[in-house]
Amino acid sequence: MRVKGIKTYEEANKFLEWYVPYYNEKFGKPAKEGGDDHERLTQEEQENIERYFAKITERTVKNDGTISYNNTTYQLEKGTILKSRRITVKESIYGNVKLYD
């Protein structure tokens, strides 16, 4: 949505400070029922939370046994990976990077 006269981020943020409460008051409705229906995570889910919320991408191994991800070059162990093989890269919500073949 474009609003006439807004040219900077500061102007846009000032507009949103007014618009969001206005919009919520105009269209918002109270919930039919109160309470929290979210289920608690199991111990196993808590221990594996990084695995569930990970960004997953693939990279191709270069001739020198490296892959590039997020402006970083990773050297793979010698003899275990062939060139042109695909590697799965998982980056957790905490920024931890793990490689899987």
PDB file of N, CA and C in Angstrom:
ATOM      1  N   MET A   1       0.845  -1.178   0.000  1.00  0.00           N
ATOM      2  CA  MET A   1       0.000   0.000   0.000  1.00  0.00           C
ATOM      3  C   MET A   1       0.884   1.233   0.000  1.00  0.00           C
ATOM      4  N   ARG A   2       0.613   2.150  -0.894  1.00  0.00           N
ATOM      5  CA  ARG A   2       1.362   3.407  -0.946  1.00  0.00           C
ATOM      6  C   ARG A   2       0.483   4.511  -0.392  1.00  0.00           C
ATOM      7  N   VAL A   3       1.085   5.342   0.422  1.00  0.00           N
ATOM      8  CA  VAL A   3       0.378   6.487   0.987  1.00  0.00           C
ATOM      9  C   VAL A   3       1.050   7.736   0.451  1.00  0.00           C
ATOM     10  N   LYS A   4       0.253   8.646  -0.102  1.00  0.00           N
ATOM     11  CA  LYS A   4       0.802   9.870  -0.676  1.00  0.00           C
ATOM     12  C   LYS A   4       1.523  10.679   0.392  1.00  0.00           C
ATOM     13  N   GLY A   5       2.661  11.223   0.001  1.00  0.00           N
ATOM     14  CA  GLY A   5       3.390  12.128   0.881  1.00  0.00           C
ATOM     15  C   GLY A   5       4.433  11.453   1.763  1.00  0.00           C
ATOM     16  N   ILE A   6       4.433  10.126   1.855  1.00  0.00           N
ATOM     17  CA  ILE A   6       5.421   9.446   2.691  1.00  0.00           C
ATOM     18  C   ILE A   6       6.625   9.107   1.823  1.00  0.00           C
ATOM     19  N   LYS A   7       7.780   9.653   2.216  1.00  0.00           N
ATOM     20  CA  LYS A   7       8.979   9.465   1.406  1.00  0.00           C
ATOM     21  C   LYS A   7      10.126   8.825   2.181  1.00  0.00           C
ATOM     22  N   THR A   8      10.065   8.836   3.495  1.00  0.00           N
ATOM     23  CA  THR A   8      11.171   8.295   4.292  1.00  0.00           C
ATOM     24  C   THR A   8      10.654   7.228   5.251  1.00  0.00           C
ATOM     25  N   TYR A   9      11.601   6.427   5.763  1.00  0.00           N
ATOM     26  CA  TYR A   9      11.240   5.412   6.750  1.00  0.00           C
ATOM     27  C   TYR A   9      10.691   6.061   8.018  1.00  0.00           C
ATOM     28  N   GLU A  10      11.246   7.187   8.398  1.00  0.00           N
ATOM     29  CA  GLU A  10      10.774   7.869   9.607  1.00  0.00           C
ATOM     30  C   GLU A  10       9.309   8.291   9.446  1.00  0.00           C
ATOM     31  N   GLU A  11       8.969   8.831   8.280  1.00  0.00           N
ATOM     32  CA  GLU A  11       7.578   9.217   8.017  1.00  0.00           C
ATOM     33  C   GLU A  11       6.669   8.000   8.002  1.00  0.00           C
ATOM     34  N   ALA A  12       7.150   6.911   7.415  1.00  0.00           N
ATOM     35  CA  ALA A  12       6.354   5.685   7.364  1.00  0.00           C
ATOM     36  C   ALA A  12       6.117   5.140   8.766  1.00  0.00           C
ATOM     37  N   ASN A  13       7.151   5.125   9.598  1.00  0.00           N
ATOM     38  CA  ASN A  13       6.985   4.631  10.967  1.00  0.00           C
ATOM     39  C   ASN A  13       6.034   5.506  11.768  1.00  0.00           C
ATOM     40  N   LYS A  14       6.112   6.813  11.575  1.00  0.00           N
ATOM     41  CA  LYS A  14       5.191   7.720  12.272  1.00  0.00           C
ATOM     42  C   LYS A  14       3.746   7.443  11.841  1.00  0.00           C
ATOM     43  N   PHE A  15       3.555   7.224  10.535  1.00  0.00           N
ATOM     44  CA  PHE A  15       2.218   6.895  10.033  1.00  0.00           C
ATOM     45  C   PHE A  15       1.714   5.597  10.662  1.00  0.00           C
ATOM     46  N   LEU A  16       2.583   4.578  10.735  1.00  0.00           N
ATOM     47  CA  LEU A  16       2.174   3.287  11.298  1.00  0.00           C
ATOM     48  C   LEU A  16       1.827   3.386  12.775  1.00  0.00           C
ATOM     49  N   GLU A  17       2.502   4.264  13.509  1.00  0.00           N
ATOM     50  CA  GLU A  17       2.171   4.465  14.925  1.00  0.00           C
ATOM     51  C   GLU A  17       0.715   4.922  15.083  1.00  0.00           C
ATOM     52  N   TRP A  18       0.226   5.661  14.105  1.00  0.00           N
ATOM     53  CA  TRP A  18      -1.175   6.076  14.130  1.00  0.00           C
ATOM     54  C   TRP A  18      -2.080   5.012  13.506  1.00  0.00           C
ATOM     55  N   TYR A  19      -1.662   4.449  12.375  1.00  0.00           N
ATOM     56  CA  TYR A  19      -2.529   3.588  11.585  1.00  0.00           C
ATOM     57  C   TYR A  19      -2.829   2.247  12.251  1.00  0.00           C
ATOM     58  N   VAL A  20      -1.842   1.600  12.858  1.00  0.00           N
ATOM     59  CA  VAL A  20      -2.064   0.275  13.439  1.00  0.00           C
ATOM     60  C   VAL A  20      -3.119   0.308  14.538  1.00  0.00           C
ATOM     61  N   PRO A  21      -3.039   1.216  15.522  1.00  0.00           N
ATOM     62  CA  PRO A  21      -4.111   1.266  16.527  1.00  0.00           C
ATOM     63  C   PRO A  21      -5.481   1.606  15.920  1.00  0.00           C
ATOM     64  N   TYR A  22      -5.491   2.513  14.931  1.00  0.00           N
ATOM     65  CA  TYR A  22      -6.739   2.858  14.250  1.00  0.00           C
ATOM     66  C   TYR A  22      -7.340   1.627  13.582  1.00  0.00           C
ATOM     67  N   TYR A  23      -6.523   0.883  12.838  1.00  0.00           N
ATOM     68  CA  TYR A  23      -6.973  -0.306  12.127  1.00  0.00           C
ATOM     69  C   TYR A  23      -7.491  -1.357  13.106  1.00  0.00           C
ATOM     70  N   ASN A  24      -6.743  -1.592  14.183  1.00  0.00           N
ATOM     71  CA  ASN A  24      -7.157  -2.586  15.174  1.00  0.00           C
ATOM     72  C   ASN A  24      -8.460  -2.198  15.852  1.00  0.00           C
ATOM     73  N   GLU A  25      -8.639  -0.915  16.139  1.00  0.00           N
ATOM     74  CA  GLU A  25      -9.879  -0.476  16.768  1.00  0.00           C
ATOM     75  C   GLU A  25     -11.058  -0.614  15.812  1.00  0.00           C
ATOM     76  N   LYS A  26     -10.832  -0.331  14.545  1.00  0.00           N
ATOM     77  CA  LYS A  26     -11.898  -0.393  13.552  1.00  0.00           C
ATOM     78  C   LYS A  26     -12.298  -1.833  13.217  1.00  0.00           C
ATOM     79  N   PHE A  27     -11.312  -2.743  13.065  1.00  0.00           N
ATOM     80  CA  PHE A  27     -11.604  -4.080  12.581  1.00  0.00           C
ATOM     81  C   PHE A  27     -11.400  -5.183  13.611  1.00  0.00           C
ATOM     82  N   GLY A  28     -10.762  -4.885  14.729  1.00  0.00           N
ATOM     83  CA  GLY A  28     -10.475  -5.912  15.719  1.00  0.00           C
ATOM     84  C   GLY A  28     -11.732  -6.423  16.417  1.00  0.00           C
ATOM     85  N   LYS A  29     -11.725  -7.687  16.803  1.00  0.00           N
ATOM     86  CA  LYS A  29     -12.835  -8.292  17.540  1.00  0.00           C
ATOM     87  C   LYS A  29     -12.258  -9.069  18.717  1.00  0.00           C
ATOM     88  N   PRO A  30     -12.969  -9.072  19.820  1.00  0.00           N
ATOM     89  CA  PRO A  30     -12.481  -9.880  20.941  1.00  0.00           C
ATOM     90  C   PRO A  30     -12.644 -11.369  20.621  1.00  0.00           C
ATOM     91  N   ALA A  31     -11.800 -12.181  21.222  1.00  0.00           N
ATOM     92  CA  ALA A  31     -11.876 -13.626  21.009  1.00  0.00           C
ATOM     93  C   ALA A  31     -13.174 -14.172  21.587  1.00  0.00           C
ATOM     94  N   LYS A  32     -13.738 -15.197  20.948  1.00  0.00           N
ATOM     95  CA  LYS A  32     -14.965 -15.825  21.450  1.00  0.00           C
ATOM     96  C   LYS A  32     -14.722 -16.507  22.784  1.00  0.00           C
ATOM     97  N   GLU A  33     -13.552 -17.115  22.918  1.00  0.00           N
ATOM     98  CA  GLU A  33     -13.184 -17.801  24.147  1.00  0.00           C
ATOM     99  C   GLU A  33     -11.797 -17.359  24.569  1.00  0.00           C
ATOM    100  N   GLY A  34     -11.581 -17.275  25.855  1.00  0.00           N
ATOM    101  CA  GLY A  34     -10.269 -16.916  26.369  1.00  0.00           C
ATOM    102  C   GLY A  34      -9.420 -18.161  26.550  1.00  0.00           C
ATOM    103  N   GLY A  35      -8.202 -17.977  26.997  1.00  0.00           N
ATOM    104  CA  GLY A  35      -7.340 -19.107  27.292  1.00  0.00           C
ATOM    105  C   GLY A  35      -6.252 -19.287  26.258  1.00  0.00           C
ATOM    106  N   ASP A  36      -5.406 -20.255  26.524  1.00  0.00           N
ATOM    107  CA  ASP A  36      -4.273 -20.552  25.663  1.00  0.00           C
ATOM    108  C   ASP A  36      -4.372 -22.011  25.241  1.00  0.00           C
ATOM    109  N   ASP A  37      -4.562 -22.264  23.948  1.00  0.00           N
ATOM    110  CA  ASP A  37      -4.706 -23.624  23.441  1.00  0.00           C
ATOM    111  C   ASP A  37      -3.400 -24.204  22.906  1.00  0.00           C
ATOM    112  N   HIS A  38      -2.287 -23.507  23.107  1.00  0.00           N
ATOM    113  CA  HIS A  38      -1.004 -24.031  22.657  1.00  0.00           C
ATOM    114  C   HIS A  38      -0.604 -25.222  23.524  1.00  0.00           C
ATOM    115  N   GLU A  39      -0.040 -26.224  22.866  1.00  0.00           N
ATOM    116  CA  GLU A  39       0.457 -27.386  23.597  1.00  0.00           C
ATOM    117  C   GLU A  39       1.900 -27.142  23.994  1.00  0.00           C
ATOM    118  N   ARG A  40       2.267 -27.601  25.178  1.00  0.00           N
ATOM    119  CA  ARG A  40       3.645 -27.486  25.644  1.00  0.00           C
ATOM    120  C   ARG A  40       4.533 -28.433  24.836  1.00  0.00           C
ATOM    121  N   LEU A  41       5.767 -28.025  24.618  1.00  0.00           N
ATOM    122  CA  LEU A  41       6.719 -28.896  23.917  1.00  0.00           C
ATOM    123  C   LEU A  41       7.128 -30.043  24.820  1.00  0.00           C
ATOM    124  N   THR A  42       7.298 -31.206  24.212  1.00  0.00           N
ATOM    125  CA  THR A  42       7.804 -32.344  24.970  1.00  0.00           C
ATOM    126  C   THR A  42       9.295 -32.129  25.228  1.00  0.00           C
ATOM    127  N   GLN A  43       9.868 -32.923  26.120  1.00  0.00           N
ATOM    128  CA  GLN A  43      11.294 -32.819  26.409  1.00  0.00           C
ATOM    129  C   GLN A  43      12.117 -33.053  25.141  1.00  0.00           C
ATOM    130  N   GLU A  44      11.719 -34.036  24.334  1.00  0.00           N
ATOM    131  CA  GLU A  44      12.430 -34.326  23.092  1.00  0.00           C
ATOM    132  C   GLU A  44      12.355 -33.140  22.132  1.00  0.00           C
ATOM    133  N   GLU A  45      11.183 -32.513  22.033  1.00  0.00           N
ATOM    134  CA  GLU A  45      11.026 -31.355  21.150  1.00  0.00           C
ATOM    135  C   GLU A  45      11.890 -30.192  21.621  1.00  0.00           C
ATOM    136  N   GLN A  46      11.942 -29.980  22.921  1.00  0.00           N
ATOM    137  CA  GLN A  46      12.773 -28.908  23.459  1.00  0.00           C
ATOM    138  C   GLN A  46      14.248 -29.143  23.157  1.00  0.00           C
ATOM    139  N   GLU A  47      14.681 -30.401  23.266  1.00  0.00           N
ATOM    140  CA  GLU A  47      16.083 -30.733  23.008  1.00  0.00           C
ATOM    141  C   GLU A  47      16.446 -30.603  21.530  1.00  0.00           C
ATOM    142  N   ASN A  48      15.457 -30.759  20.638  1.00  0.00           N
ATOM    143  CA  ASN A  48      15.709 -30.722  19.192  1.00  0.00           C
ATOM    144  C   ASN A  48      15.156 -29.470  18.517  1.00  0.00           C
ATOM    145  N   ILE A  49      14.927 -28.421  19.283  1.00  0.00           N
ATOM    146  CA  ILE A  49      14.276 -27.218  18.744  1.00  0.00           C
ATOM    147  C   ILE A  49      15.062 -26.614  17.579  1.00  0.00           C
ATOM    148  N   GLU A  50      16.403 -26.683  17.650  1.00  0.00           N
ATOM    149  CA  GLU A  50      17.223 -26.140  16.563  1.00  0.00           C
ATOM    150  C   GLU A  50      16.995 -26.896  15.258  1.00  0.00           C
ATOM    151  N   ARG A  51      16.732 -28.188  15.362  1.00  0.00           N
ATOM    152  CA  ARG A  51      16.527 -29.008  14.172  1.00  0.00           C
ATOM    153  C   ARG A  51      15.186 -28.687  13.513  1.00  0.00           C
ATOM    154  N   TYR A  52      14.174 -28.386  14.322  1.00  0.00           N
ATOM    155  CA  TYR A  52      12.847 -28.120  13.783  1.00  0.00           C
ATOM    156  C   TYR A  52      12.756 -26.753  13.117  1.00  0.00           C
ATOM    157  N   PHE A  53      13.447 -25.784  13.662  1.00  0.00           N
ATOM    158  CA  PHE A  53      13.395 -24.427  13.127  1.00  0.00           C
ATOM    159  C   PHE A  53      14.725 -24.097  12.468  1.00  0.00           C
ATOM    160  N   ALA A  54      15.009 -24.763  11.365  1.00  0.00           N
ATOM    161  CA  ALA A  54      16.273 -24.570  10.661  1.00  0.00           C
ATOM    162  C   ALA A  54      16.011 -24.178   9.218  1.00  0.00           C
ATOM    163  N   LYS A  55      16.903 -23.349   8.709  1.00  0.00           N
ATOM    164  CA  LYS A  55      16.882 -22.995   7.290  1.00  0.00           C
ATOM    165  C   LYS A  55      17.695 -24.056   6.572  1.00  0.00           C
ATOM    166  N   ILE A  56      17.095 -24.723   5.602  1.00  0.00           N
ATOM    167  CA  ILE A  56      17.747 -25.829   4.916  1.00  0.00           C
ATOM    168  C   ILE A  56      17.988 -25.447   3.456  1.00  0.00           C
ATOM    169  N   THR A  57      19.255 -25.587   3.029  1.00  0.00           N
ATOM    170  CA  THR A  57      19.622 -25.316   1.641  1.00  0.00           C
ATOM    171  C   THR A  57      20.575 -26.410   1.173  1.00  0.00           C
ATOM    172  N   GLU A  58      20.847 -26.423  -0.113  1.00  0.00           N
ATOM    173  CA  GLU A  58      21.804 -27.384  -0.669  1.00  0.00           C
ATOM    174  C   GLU A  58      22.943 -26.630  -1.338  1.00  0.00           C
ATOM    175  N   ARG A  59      24.131 -27.227  -1.278  1.00  0.00           N
ATOM    176  CA  ARG A  59      25.310 -26.676  -1.938  1.00  0.00           C
ATOM    177  C   ARG A  59      26.022 -27.796  -2.679  1.00  0.00           C
ATOM    178  N   THR A  60      26.737 -27.437  -3.735  1.00  0.00           N
ATOM    179  CA  THR A  60      27.525 -28.406  -4.500  1.00  0.00           C
ATOM    180  C   THR A  60      28.981 -28.307  -4.056  1.00  0.00           C
ATOM    181  N   VAL A  61      29.603 -29.460  -3.834  1.00  0.00           N
ATOM    182  CA  VAL A  61      31.004 -29.504  -3.425  1.00  0.00           C
ATOM    183  C   VAL A  61      31.867 -29.113  -4.619  1.00  0.00           C
ATOM    184  N   LYS A  62      32.811 -28.202  -4.389  1.00  0.00           N
ATOM    185  CA  LYS A  62      33.724 -27.754  -5.449  1.00  0.00           C
ATOM    186  C   LYS A  62      34.876 -28.733  -5.591  1.00  0.00           C
ATOM    187  N   ASN A  63      35.675 -28.554  -6.631  1.00  0.00           N
ATOM    188  CA  ASN A  63      36.812 -29.437  -6.906  1.00  0.00           C
ATOM    189  C   ASN A  63      37.791 -29.538  -5.743  1.00  0.00           C
ATOM    190  N   ASP A  64      37.918 -28.467  -4.960  1.00  0.00           N
ATOM    191  CA  ASP A  64      38.880 -28.470  -3.854  1.00  0.00           C
ATOM    192  C   ASP A  64      38.288 -29.005  -2.547  1.00  0.00           C
ATOM    193  N   GLY A  65      37.069 -29.577  -2.612  1.00  0.00           N
ATOM    194  CA  GLY A  65      36.443 -30.161  -1.426  1.00  0.00           C
ATOM    195  C   GLY A  65      35.835 -29.148  -0.483  1.00  0.00           C
ATOM    196  N   THR A  66      35.441 -28.003  -1.007  1.00  0.00           N
ATOM    197  CA  THR A  66      34.828 -26.964  -0.181  1.00  0.00           C
ATOM    198  C   THR A  66      33.419 -26.669  -0.667  1.00  0.00           C
ATOM    199  N   ILE A  67      32.648 -26.040   0.205  1.00  0.00           N
ATOM    200  CA  ILE A  67      31.353 -25.470  -0.176  1.00  0.00           C
ATOM    201  C   ILE A  67      31.314 -24.056   0.375  1.00  0.00           C
ATOM    202  N   SER A  68      30.512 -23.216  -0.239  1.00  0.00           N
ATOM    203  CA  SER A  68      30.332 -21.847   0.240  1.00  0.00           C
ATOM    204  C   SER A  68      28.913 -21.698   0.733  1.00  0.00           C
ATOM    205  N   TYR A  69      28.787 -21.063   1.904  1.00  0.00           N
ATOM    206  CA  TYR A  69      27.464 -20.798   2.466  1.00  0.00           C
ATOM    207  C   TYR A  69      27.535 -19.524   3.290  1.00  0.00           C
ATOM    208  N   ASN A  70      26.674 -18.599   2.988  1.00  0.00           N
ATOM    209  CA  ASN A  70      26.547 -17.366   3.762  1.00  0.00           C
ATOM    210  C   ASN A  70      27.891 -16.638   3.883  1.00  0.00           C
ATOM    211  N   ASN A  71      28.576 -16.476   2.756  1.00  0.00           N
ATOM    212  CA  ASN A  71      29.872 -15.799   2.678  1.00  0.00           C
ATOM    213  C   ASN A  71      30.972 -16.486   3.488  1.00  0.00           C
ATOM    214  N   THR A  72      30.824 -17.764   3.754  1.00  0.00           N
ATOM    215  CA  THR A  72      31.834 -18.550   4.462  1.00  0.00           C
ATOM    216  C   THR A  72      32.147 -19.784   3.638  1.00  0.00           C
ATOM    217  N   THR A  73      33.432 -20.148   3.581  1.00  0.00           N
ATOM    218  CA  THR A  73      33.850 -21.352   2.882  1.00  0.00           C
ATOM    219  C   THR A  73      34.122 -22.439   3.908  1.00  0.00           C
ATOM    220  N   TYR A  74      33.543 -23.604   3.701  1.00  0.00           N
ATOM    221  CA  TYR A  74      33.726 -24.748   4.590  1.00  0.00           C
ATOM    222  C   TYR A  74      34.553 -25.806   3.877  1.00  0.00           C
ATOM    223  N   GLN A  75      35.632 -26.250   4.528  1.00  0.00           N
ATOM    224  CA  GLN A  75      36.483 -27.313   3.992  1.00  0.00           C
ATOM    225  C   GLN A  75      35.966 -28.639   4.522  1.00  0.00           C
ATOM    226  N   LEU A  76      35.642 -29.565   3.626  1.00  0.00           N
ATOM    227  CA  LEU A  76      35.147 -30.871   4.026  1.00  0.00           C
ATOM    228  C   LEU A  76      36.324 -31.815   4.242  1.00  0.00           C
ATOM    229  N   GLU A  77      36.116 -32.854   5.033  1.00  0.00           N
ATOM    230  CA  GLU A  77      37.189 -33.818   5.322  1.00  0.00           C
ATOM    231  C   GLU A  77      37.653 -34.474   4.032  1.00  0.00           C
ATOM    232  N   LYS A  78      38.960 -34.683   3.930  1.00  0.00           N
ATOM    233  CA  LYS A  78      39.532 -35.294   2.725  1.00  0.00           C
ATOM    234  C   LYS A  78      39.028 -36.714   2.542  1.00  0.00           C
ATOM    235  N   GLY A  79      38.770 -37.071   1.296  1.00  0.00           N
ATOM    236  CA  GLY A  79      38.426 -38.443   0.952  1.00  0.00           C
ATOM    237  C   GLY A  79      36.994 -38.854   1.218  1.00  0.00           C
ATOM    238  N   THR A  80      36.203 -38.006   1.875  1.00  0.00           N
ATOM    239  CA  THR A  80      34.839 -38.418   2.189  1.00  0.00           C
ATOM    240  C   THR A  80      33.818 -37.881   1.193  1.00  0.00           C
ATOM    241  N   ILE A  81      34.138 -36.794   0.522  1.00  0.00           N
ATOM    242  CA  ILE A  81      33.181 -36.159  -0.375  1.00  0.00           C
ATOM    243  C   ILE A  81      33.773 -36.053  -1.782  1.00  0.00           C
ATOM    244  N   LEU A  82      33.000 -36.403  -2.769  1.00  0.00           N
ATOM    245  CA  LEU A  82      33.425 -36.278  -4.157  1.00  0.00           C
ATOM    246  C   LEU A  82      33.003 -34.926  -4.699  1.00  0.00           C
ATOM    247  N   LYS A  83      33.766 -34.410  -5.660  1.00  0.00           N
ATOM    248  CA  LYS A  83      33.386 -33.135  -6.268  1.00  0.00           C
ATOM    249  C   LYS A  83      32.026 -33.263  -6.938  1.00  0.00           C
ATOM    250  N   SER A  84      31.310 -32.175  -7.028  1.00  0.00           N
ATOM    251  CA  SER A  84      29.984 -32.070  -7.641  1.00  0.00           C
ATOM    252  C   SER A  84      28.908 -32.803  -6.852  1.00  0.00           C
ATOM    253  N   ARG A  85      29.212 -33.319  -5.677  1.00  0.00           N
ATOM    254  CA  ARG A  85      28.205 -33.966  -4.844  1.00  0.00           C
ATOM    255  C   ARG A  85      27.432 -32.885  -4.100  1.00  0.00           C
ATOM    256  N   ARG A  86      26.156 -33.129  -3.847  1.00  0.00           N
ATOM    257  CA  ARG A  86      25.302 -32.164  -3.162  1.00  0.00           C
ATOM    258  C   ARG A  86      25.379 -32.378  -1.655  1.00  0.00           C
ATOM    259  N   ILE A  87      25.485 -31.280  -0.919  1.00  0.00           N
ATOM    260  CA  ILE A  87      25.543 -31.290   0.534  1.00  0.00           C
ATOM    261  C   ILE A  87      24.363 -30.482   1.059  1.00  0.00           C
ATOM    262  N   THR A  88      23.690 -30.992   2.089  1.00  0.00           N
ATOM    263  CA  THR A  88      22.607 -30.254   2.730  1.00  0.00           C
ATOM    264  C   THR A  88      23.192 -29.414   3.854  1.00  0.00           C
ATOM    265  N   VAL A  89      22.826 -28.134   3.876  1.00  0.00           N
ATOM    266  CA  VAL A  89      23.281 -27.208   4.909  1.00  0.00           C
ATOM    267  C   VAL A  89      22.071 -26.823   5.749  1.00  0.00           C
ATOM    268  N   LYS A  90      22.187 -26.999   7.072  1.00  0.00           N
ATOM    269  CA  LYS A  90      21.116 -26.595   7.979  1.00  0.00           C
ATOM    270  C   LYS A  90      21.638 -25.514   8.905  1.00  0.00           C
ATOM    271  N   GLU A  91      20.967 -24.354   8.885  1.00  0.00           N
ATOM    272  CA  GLU A  91      21.323 -23.259   9.777  1.00  0.00           C
ATOM    273  C   GLU A  91      20.204 -23.093  10.794  1.00  0.00           C
ATOM    274  N   SER A  92      20.536 -23.243  12.075  1.00  0.00           N
ATOM    275  CA  SER A  92      19.522 -23.190  13.129  1.00  0.00           C
ATOM    276  C   SER A  92      19.105 -21.751  13.404  1.00  0.00           C
ATOM    277  N   ILE A  93      18.054 -21.607  14.204  1.00  0.00           N
ATOM    278  CA  ILE A  93      17.582 -20.281  14.574  1.00  0.00           C
ATOM    279  C   ILE A  93      18.623 -19.527  15.390  1.00  0.00           C
ATOM    280  N   TYR A  94      19.600 -20.245  15.926  1.00  0.00           N
ATOM    281  CA  TYR A  94      20.672 -19.627  16.709  1.00  0.00           C
ATOM    282  C   TYR A  94      21.908 -19.348  15.862  1.00  0.00           C
ATOM    283  N   GLY A  95      21.855 -19.665  14.567  1.00  0.00           N
ATOM    284  CA  GLY A  95      22.966 -19.394  13.671  1.00  0.00           C
ATOM    285  C   GLY A  95      23.973 -20.526  13.552  1.00  0.00           C
ATOM    286  N   ASN A  96      23.723 -21.654  14.197  1.00  0.00           N
ATOM    287  CA  ASN A  96      24.625 -22.800  14.087  1.00  0.00           C
ATOM    288  C   ASN A  96      24.451 -23.461  12.724  1.00  0.00           C
ATOM    289  N   VAL A  97      25.569 -23.795  12.076  1.00  0.00           N
ATOM    290  CA  VAL A  97      25.537 -24.386  10.742  1.00  0.00           C
ATOM    291  C   VAL A  97      26.035 -25.839  10.833  1.00  0.00           C
ATOM    292  N   LYS A  98      25.252 -26.760  10.249  1.00  0.00           N
ATOM    293  CA  LYS A  98      25.638 -28.164  10.188  1.00  0.00           C
ATOM    294  C   LYS A  98      25.529 -28.641   8.756  1.00  0.00           C
ATOM    295  N   LEU A  99      26.450 -29.524   8.356  1.00  0.00           N
ATOM    296  CA  LEU A  99      26.483 -30.049   6.995  1.00  0.00           C
ATOM    297  C   LEU A  99      26.140 -31.514   7.008  1.00  0.00           C
ATOM    298  N   TYR A 100      25.316 -31.950   6.036  1.00  0.00           N
ATOM    299  CA  TYR A 100      24.905 -33.356   5.915  1.00  0.00           C
ATOM    300  C   TYR A 100      25.066 -33.782   4.463  1.00  0.00           C
ATOM    301  N   ASP A 101      25.534 -35.032   4.267  1.00  0.00           N
ATOM    302  CA  ASP A 101      25.606 -35.511   2.877  1.00  0.00           C
ATOM    303  C   ASP A 101      24.501 -36.494   2.616  1.00  0.00           C
TER     304      ASP A 101
END
